[in-house]
């Protein structure tokens, strides 16, 4: 909408200002106001049309067109950023629900462990210290569960802000987009380059202001013949062409040109800073994304190894060579690994989506 408004304003800059129509009387005597007693008395109708410097009009129009182009880039960037935010929240929502499920299963295993220790104590075993350790671990699990409840409330609030509801949609597939290390393919850098283009249009406007403006002034005077047609003669008309002279350019146009040139230099300095900043930012995001991907592989391997350990402990328990608490503790450890895996997966999706959101066209490629 902002881009459309700027395009409309660009078209409006090319139009001429409204002409001025004037109607009146000329040379009417004060002592005896009449139209038939004094030869110079006349009724007049005039038209004045200002014609601004066409180069200046074009320069102003081009500036608004450039601003419209920047607005379109900004709209695309905002859409990509909103998609990243929604994807990140969906990943967090899925991760938190998974962690809550795992912790609840852990609490069930802690209850089974207590019953196991009670049975061992009744059989003469000494498991009082383990009771204390289990209480501490269970309290920590319950604390995490409370924190997750608070976080899921915050996630739902963010959903409402983004899409006005908690969406029931699948988490979209997010690929690890490749970046060619060209800063020019990043939205923030492109926006900074648009600022340079706009600043250059300002210079064009300031340059064009040295050229003259024009105008046309026409007046028609209806002369009165007077009583008994005693004034012989014809009606009159006047025609003038006007042109402005930049007589005070050193005090008006020249300082404005210098200001526009300074703004261009400022925009270029900002561009250089943004280029360096976002090159560094993208490298950090890529590093965090790739590290999360590697950690997913590590935790998946650990989860698989822990499953094998649980299967072995279960067989030993069934054979009578190992206690049930060994099996339960191994299952609890595996749930801890799976909880970490859920967290790392969320981080990977979030970092990948954020990385993609800054690259021009990355989400379109992702959709394909």
Protein backbone atom coordinates (compact mmCIF):
# COMPACT_ATOMS: atom_id res chain seq x y z
CA UNK A 1 0.00 0.00 0.00
CA UNK A 2 2.86 2.36 0.80
CA UNK A 3 4.47 1.51 -2.55
CA UNK A 4 1.21 2.25 -4.37
CA UNK A 5 0.91 5.57 -2.55
CA UNK A 6 4.45 6.55 -3.54
CA UNK A 7 3.86 5.59 -7.18
CA UNK A 8 0.73 7.74 -7.21
CA UNK A 9 2.70 10.61 -5.71
CA UNK A 10 5.38 10.12 -8.38
CA UNK A 11 2.72 10.52 -11.08
CA UNK A 12 1.31 13.57 -9.29
CA UNK A 13 4.69 15.31 -9.30
CA UNK A 14 4.62 15.43 -13.11
CA UNK A 15 1.42 17.48 -13.22
CA UNK A 16 1.30 21.24 -13.56
CA UNK A 17 -0.06 23.41 -10.73
CA UNK A 18 -3.61 24.66 -11.11
CA UNK A 19 -3.95 27.79 -13.24
CA UNK A 20 -5.12 31.00 -11.58
CA UNK A 21 -8.20 32.65 -13.09
CA UNK A 22 -8.79 36.29 -12.19
CA UNK A 23 -11.86 38.46 -12.86
CA UNK A 24 -12.11 42.15 -12.01
CA UNK A 25 -12.20 45.75 -13.13
CA UNK A 26 -9.38 48.09 -14.00
CA UNK A 27 -8.94 51.86 -13.70
CA UNK A 28 -12.34 52.67 -12.18
CA UNK A 29 -12.52 56.31 -10.92
CA UNK A 30 -12.99 56.55 -7.15
CA UNK A 31 -14.98 59.81 -7.17
CA UNK A 32 -17.53 58.62 -9.73
CA UNK A 33 -17.37 54.83 -10.16
CA UNK A 34 -18.73 54.10 -13.63
CA UNK A 35 -17.70 52.31 -16.81
CA UNK A 36 -18.74 54.96 -19.31
CA UNK A 37 -16.96 58.09 -18.12
CA UNK A 38 -13.25 57.27 -18.34
CA UNK A 39 -11.45 55.73 -21.33
CA UNK A 40 -9.00 53.45 -19.43
CA UNK A 41 -11.82 51.85 -17.41
CA UNK A 42 -12.29 48.20 -18.37
CA UNK A 43 -13.53 44.86 -17.19
CA UNK A 44 -10.81 42.24 -17.15
CA UNK A 45 -10.42 38.48 -17.16
CA UNK A 46 -6.96 36.99 -16.67
CA UNK A 47 -5.27 33.61 -16.65
CA UNK A 48 -1.95 32.79 -15.01
CA UNK A 49 -0.24 29.42 -15.46
CA UNK A 50 2.94 28.52 -13.60
CA UNK A 51 5.16 26.03 -15.46
CA UNK A 52 7.68 24.54 -13.03
CA UNK A 53 11.02 23.41 -14.33
CA UNK A 54 10.24 20.05 -16.06
CA UNK A 55 13.66 18.64 -15.14
CA UNK A 56 12.87 19.31 -11.48
CA UNK A 57 9.45 17.68 -11.79
CA UNK A 58 10.99 14.57 -13.35
CA UNK A 59 13.65 14.44 -10.65
CA UNK A 60 11.04 14.61 -7.88
CA UNK A 61 8.94 11.95 -9.62
CA UNK A 62 11.95 9.63 -9.95
CA UNK A 63 12.67 10.03 -6.24
CA UNK A 64 9.18 8.86 -5.31
CA UNK A 65 9.49 5.96 -7.77
CA UNK A 66 12.75 4.95 -6.08
CA UNK A 67 11.08 5.16 -2.66
CA UNK A 68 8.26 2.97 -3.99
CA UNK A 69 10.81 0.40 -5.15
CA UNK A 70 12.38 0.41 -1.69
CA UNK A 71 8.96 -0.10 -0.12
CA UNK A 72 8.44 -3.23 -2.25
CA UNK A 73 11.80 -4.62 -1.11
CA UNK A 74 10.89 -3.81 2.49
CA UNK A 75 7.52 -5.55 2.07
CA UNK A 76 9.21 -8.70 0.74
CA UNK A 77 11.70 -8.62 3.61
CA UNK A 78 8.96 -8.15 6.19
CA UNK A 79 7.04 -11.08 4.72
CA UNK A 80 10.15 -13.28 4.95
CA UNK A 81 10.77 -12.13 8.53
CA UNK A 82 7.18 -12.85 9.55
CA UNK A 83 7.44 -16.31 8.03
CA UNK A 84 10.62 -16.86 10.03
CA UNK A 85 8.89 -15.70 13.23
CA UNK A 86 5.92 -17.99 12.65
CA UNK A 87 8.17 -20.95 11.79
CA UNK A 88 10.28 -20.30 14.87
CA UNK A 89 7.20 -20.17 17.11
CA UNK A 90 5.79 -23.36 15.57
CA UNK A 91 9.12 -25.11 16.22
CA UNK A 92 9.18 -23.84 19.80
CA UNK A 93 5.56 -24.93 20.36
CA UNK A 94 6.30 -28.43 19.08
CA UNK A 95 9.51 -28.64 21.13
CA UNK A 96 7.88 -27.49 24.36
CA UNK A 97 4.99 -29.94 24.01
CA UNK A 98 7.50 -32.74 23.36
CA UNK A 99 9.58 -31.76 26.39
CA UNK A 100 6.49 -31.70 28.61
CA UNK A 101 5.55 -35.16 27.42
CA UNK A 102 9.07 -36.47 28.16
CA UNK A 103 9.17 -34.92 31.63
CA UNK A 104 5.80 -36.43 32.54
CA UNK A 105 7.13 -39.82 31.52
CA UNK A 106 10.21 -39.15 33.65
CA UNK A 107 8.00 -38.40 36.66
CA UNK A 108 6.25 -41.74 36.11
CA UNK A 109 9.62 -43.50 36.09
CA UNK A 110 10.61 -41.70 39.31
CA UNK A 111 7.44 -43.04 40.95
CA UNK A 112 8.35 -46.56 39.81
CA UNK A 113 11.87 -46.07 41.15
CA UNK A 114 10.51 -45.12 44.58
CA UNK A 115 8.42 -48.28 44.68
CA UNK A 116 11.46 -50.30 43.62
CA UNK A 117 13.63 -48.77 46.35
CA UNK A 118 10.90 -49.33 48.93
CA UNK A 119 10.81 -53.00 47.97
CA UNK A 120 14.60 -53.24 48.22
CA UNK A 121 14.56 -51.59 51.67
CA UNK A 122 11.90 -54.03 52.87
CA UNK A 123 14.16 -56.81 51.61
CA UNK A 124 17.01 -55.48 53.71
CA UNK A 125 18.72 -53.26 51.15
CA UNK A 126 20.10 -49.79 51.90
CA UNK A 127 18.62 -47.31 49.41
CA UNK A 128 17.93 -44.32 51.65
CA UNK A 129 20.52 -42.13 49.87
CA UNK A 130 18.95 -42.92 46.50
CA UNK A 131 15.57 -41.79 47.87
CA UNK A 132 17.08 -38.37 48.54
CA UNK A 133 18.68 -38.18 45.10
CA UNK A 134 15.44 -39.14 43.41
CA UNK A 135 13.58 -36.41 45.31
CA UNK A 136 16.08 -33.80 44.09
CA UNK A 137 15.88 -35.03 40.49
CA UNK A 138 12.09 -35.14 40.58
CA UNK A 139 11.91 -31.61 42.00
CA UNK A 140 14.14 -30.41 39.17
CA UNK A 141 11.90 -32.15 36.62
CA UNK A 142 8.81 -30.52 38.14
CA UNK A 143 10.53 -27.12 38.04
CA UNK A 144 11.30 -27.60 34.34
CA UNK A 145 7.68 -28.56 33.76
CA UNK A 146 6.50 -25.33 35.38
CA UNK A 147 8.94 -23.32 33.27
CA UNK A 148 7.66 -25.06 30.14
CA UNK A 149 4.06 -24.21 31.08
CA UNK A 150 5.06 -20.55 31.34
CA UNK A 151 6.89 -20.70 28.02
CA UNK A 152 3.99 -22.29 26.18
CA UNK A 153 1.75 -19.46 27.41
CA UNK A 154 4.24 -16.94 25.99
CA UNK A 155 4.34 -18.82 22.68
CA UNK A 156 0.54 -18.78 22.44
CA UNK A 157 0.53 -15.04 23.09
CA UNK A 158 3.04 -14.55 20.27
CA UNK A 159 0.85 -16.66 17.96
CA UNK A 160 -2.08 -14.36 18.70
CA UNK A 161 0.09 -11.34 17.87
CA UNK A 162 1.25 -12.88 14.59
CA UNK A 163 -1.88 -14.61 13.25
CA UNK A 164 -4.61 -13.80 15.82
CA UNK A 165 -4.93 -17.43 16.93
CA UNK A 166 -2.98 -20.52 17.94
CA UNK A 167 -2.67 -22.19 14.52
CA UNK A 168 -3.32 -25.88 14.04
CA UNK A 169 -0.86 -26.36 11.19
CA UNK A 170 2.11 -28.57 10.54
CA UNK A 171 5.59 -27.19 10.95
CA UNK A 172 6.72 -26.15 7.44
CA UNK A 173 9.79 -27.81 6.03
CA UNK A 174 12.85 -25.62 6.43
CA UNK A 175 15.92 -26.24 4.32
CA UNK A 176 19.44 -25.03 5.08
CA UNK A 177 19.68 -22.42 2.32
CA UNK A 178 23.03 -21.82 0.70
CA UNK A 179 24.44 -18.31 0.62
CA UNK A 180 27.04 -17.35 -1.97
CA UNK A 181 28.71 -14.91 0.48
CA UNK A 182 27.52 -12.04 -1.72
CA UNK A 183 26.25 -9.29 0.63
CA UNK A 184 24.25 -7.84 -2.25
CA UNK A 185 21.86 -10.81 -2.03
CA UNK A 186 20.79 -9.83 1.50
CA UNK A 187 17.67 -7.78 2.16
CA UNK A 188 19.29 -5.36 4.67
CA UNK A 189 22.13 -4.61 2.25
CA UNK A 190 19.73 -4.09 -0.64
CA UNK A 191 17.68 -1.69 1.46
CA UNK A 192 20.86 0.23 2.26
CA UNK A 193 21.68 0.39 -1.47
CA UNK A 194 18.17 1.75 -2.10
CA UNK A 195 18.95 4.53 0.39
CA UNK A 196 21.96 5.47 -1.76
CA UNK A 197 19.75 5.54 -4.86
CA UNK A 198 17.24 7.79 -3.08
CA UNK A 199 20.05 10.09 -1.93
CA UNK A 200 21.26 10.33 -5.54
CA UNK A 201 17.74 11.29 -6.60
CA UNK A 202 17.90 14.07 -3.99
CA UNK A 203 21.06 15.32 -5.67
CA UNK A 204 19.21 15.30 -8.99
CA UNK A 205 16.47 17.43 -7.43
CA UNK A 206 19.01 19.88 -6.00
CA UNK A 207 20.80 20.10 -9.36
CA UNK A 208 17.56 20.71 -11.23
CA UNK A 209 16.66 23.54 -8.84
CA UNK A 210 19.34 25.70 -10.55
CA UNK A 211 17.30 25.64 -13.76
CA UNK A 212 14.57 28.26 -14.29
CA UNK A 213 10.84 27.91 -13.77
CA UNK A 214 8.45 29.35 -16.32
CA UNK A 215 5.04 30.94 -16.45
CA UNK A 216 2.47 32.46 -18.80
CA UNK A 217 0.19 35.35 -17.91
CA UNK A 218 -2.68 36.48 -20.19
CA UNK A 219 -5.18 39.29 -19.55
CA UNK A 220 -8.16 40.35 -21.67
CA UNK A 221 -9.67 43.83 -21.06
CA UNK A 222 -13.12 44.73 -22.27
CA UNK A 223 -13.14 48.46 -22.96
CA UNK A 224 -16.37 50.42 -22.60
CA UNK A 225 -17.42 52.71 -25.48
CA UNK A 226 -19.03 55.04 -22.98
CA UNK A 227 -22.24 57.02 -23.16
CA UNK A 228 -23.30 57.76 -26.77
CA UNK A 229 -20.28 55.72 -27.98
CA UNK A 230 -17.98 58.62 -27.36
CA UNK A 231 -14.87 56.51 -26.84
CA UNK A 232 -13.64 55.05 -30.07
CA UNK A 233 -11.28 52.11 -29.88
CA UNK A 234 -10.95 48.36 -29.39
CA UNK A 235 -10.71 45.91 -26.50
CA UNK A 236 -7.24 45.19 -25.13
CA UNK A 237 -5.26 42.14 -24.16
CA UNK A 238 -1.89 41.56 -22.48
CA UNK A 239 0.37 38.52 -22.74
CA UNK A 240 3.47 37.81 -20.66
CA UNK A 241 6.01 35.03 -20.54
CA UNK A 242 7.82 34.56 -17.22
CA UNK A 243 11.11 32.95 -16.30
CA UNK A 244 12.87 32.76 -12.95
CA UNK A 245 16.52 33.67 -12.53
CA UNK A 246 18.63 31.82 -9.91
CA UNK A 247 19.99 35.13 -8.65
CA UNK A 248 20.30 33.95 -5.04
CA UNK A 249 21.59 30.45 -5.85
CA UNK A 250 24.57 30.83 -3.49
CA UNK A 251 22.16 31.33 -0.58
CA UNK A 252 19.42 28.93 -1.69
CA UNK A 253 20.12 26.20 -4.25
CA UNK A 254 23.83 25.74 -3.60
CA UNK A 255 23.54 24.92 0.14
CA UNK A 256 20.71 22.48 -0.66
CA UNK A 257 22.92 20.75 -3.23
CA UNK A 258 25.75 20.48 -0.70
CA UNK A 259 23.31 19.00 1.83
CA UNK A 260 22.11 16.43 -0.73
CA UNK A 261 25.70 15.46 -1.57
CA UNK A 262 26.46 15.07 2.16
CA UNK A 263 23.41 12.81 2.56
CA UNK A 264 24.67 10.65 -0.30
CA UNK A 265 28.06 10.27 1.39
CA UNK A 266 26.30 9.39 4.64
CA UNK A 267 24.19 6.76 2.84
CA UNK A 268 27.32 5.24 1.32
CA UNK A 269 29.06 5.09 4.71
CA UNK A 270 25.96 3.44 6.17
CA UNK A 271 25.93 0.97 3.29
CA UNK A 272 29.55 -0.02 3.96
CA UNK A 273 28.82 -0.50 7.67
CA UNK A 274 25.66 -2.52 7.02
CA UNK A 275 27.53 -4.67 4.48
CA UNK A 276 30.23 -5.55 7.01
CA UNK A 277 27.72 -5.99 9.82
CA UNK A 278 25.49 -8.38 7.89
CA UNK A 279 28.37 -10.36 6.43
CA UNK A 280 29.45 -11.02 10.02
CA UNK A 281 25.86 -11.63 11.17
CA UNK A 282 25.23 -14.21 8.45
CA UNK A 283 28.44 -16.03 9.25
CA UNK A 284 27.41 -16.27 12.91
CA UNK A 285 23.92 -17.48 12.02
CA UNK A 286 25.33 -20.08 9.65
CA UNK A 287 27.77 -21.24 12.31
CA UNK A 288 24.98 -21.58 14.90
CA UNK A 289 22.72 -23.36 12.40
CA UNK A 290 25.40 -25.83 11.33
CA UNK A 291 26.44 -26.48 14.94
CA UNK A 292 22.82 -27.29 15.81
CA UNK A 293 22.64 -29.68 12.85
CA UNK A 294 25.80 -31.47 14.05
CA UNK A 295 24.45 -31.63 17.60
CA UNK A 296 21.27 -33.27 16.28
CA UNK A 297 23.40 -36.04 14.77
CA UNK A 298 25.38 -36.45 18.01
CA UNK A 299 22.25 -36.69 20.16
CA UNK A 300 20.54 -39.05 17.74
CA UNK A 301 23.57 -41.35 17.99
CA UNK A 302 23.45 -41.09 21.79
CA UNK A 303 19.73 -41.86 21.78
CA UNK A 304 20.32 -44.94 19.65
CA UNK A 305 23.15 -46.08 21.91
CA UNK A 306 20.98 -45.54 25.00
CA UNK A 307 18.19 -47.59 23.44
CA UNK A 308 20.64 -50.47 22.99
CA UNK A 309 21.73 -50.06 26.61
CA UNK A 310 18.11 -50.17 27.81
CA UNK A 311 17.40 -53.27 25.74
CA UNK A 312 20.44 -54.97 27.28
CA UNK A 313 19.48 -53.92 30.81
CA UNK A 314 15.92 -55.18 30.22
CA UNK A 315 17.23 -58.57 29.12
CA UNK A 316 19.52 -58.77 32.17
CA UNK A 317 16.62 -57.82 34.45
CA UNK A 318 14.44 -60.49 32.94
CA UNK A 319 17.31 -62.96 33.38
CA UNK A 320 17.59 -61.96 37.04
CA UNK A 321 21.13 -60.59 36.80
CA UNK A 322 20.22 -56.91 37.13
CA UNK A 323 17.82 -54.84 39.23
CA UNK A 324 14.80 -53.00 37.82
CA UNK A 325 16.19 -49.65 38.98
CA UNK A 326 19.02 -49.95 36.43
CA UNK A 327 16.45 -50.23 33.65
CA UNK A 328 14.41 -47.29 34.95
CA UNK A 329 17.45 -45.06 35.40
CA UNK A 330 18.59 -45.84 31.84
CA UNK A 331 15.13 -44.95 30.56
CA UNK A 332 15.26 -41.65 32.47
CA UNK A 333 18.68 -40.89 30.96
CA UNK A 334 17.32 -41.59 27.49
CA UNK A 335 14.42 -39.22 28.09
CA UNK A 336 16.94 -36.52 29.08
CA UNK A 337 18.77 -37.10 25.80
CA UNK A 338 15.51 -36.92 23.85
CA UNK A 339 14.62 -33.67 25.62
CA UNK A 340 17.98 -32.17 24.63
CA UNK A 341 17.41 -33.44 21.10
CA UNK A 342 14.06 -31.64 20.98
CA UNK A 343 15.71 -28.40 22.13
CA UNK A 344 18.48 -28.68 19.54
CA UNK A 345 16.01 -29.42 16.74
CA UNK A 346 14.07 -26.30 17.68
CA UNK A 347 17.29 -24.26 17.64
CA UNK A 348 18.27 -25.64 14.25
CA UNK A 349 14.90 -24.83 12.68
CA UNK A 350 14.86 -21.35 14.21
CA UNK A 351 18.41 -20.49 13.13
CA UNK A 352 17.86 -21.93 9.66
CA UNK A 353 14.61 -19.99 9.21
CA UNK A 354 16.26 -16.78 10.45
CA UNK A 355 19.23 -17.31 8.14
CA UNK A 356 16.92 -17.86 5.17
CA UNK A 357 14.80 -14.80 5.96
CA UNK A 358 17.68 -12.41 5.24
CA UNK A 359 18.49 -13.88 1.79
CA UNK A 360 16.59 -12.47 -1.17
CA UNK A 361 14.45 -15.19 -2.72
CA UNK A 362 15.46 -17.89 -0.22
CA UNK A 363 11.88 -18.58 0.87
CA UNK A 364 10.71 -18.84 -2.71
CA UNK A 365 13.39 -21.49 -3.31
CA UNK A 366 12.37 -23.16 -0.06
CA UNK A 367 8.74 -23.33 -1.25
CA UNK A 368 9.82 -25.05 -4.46
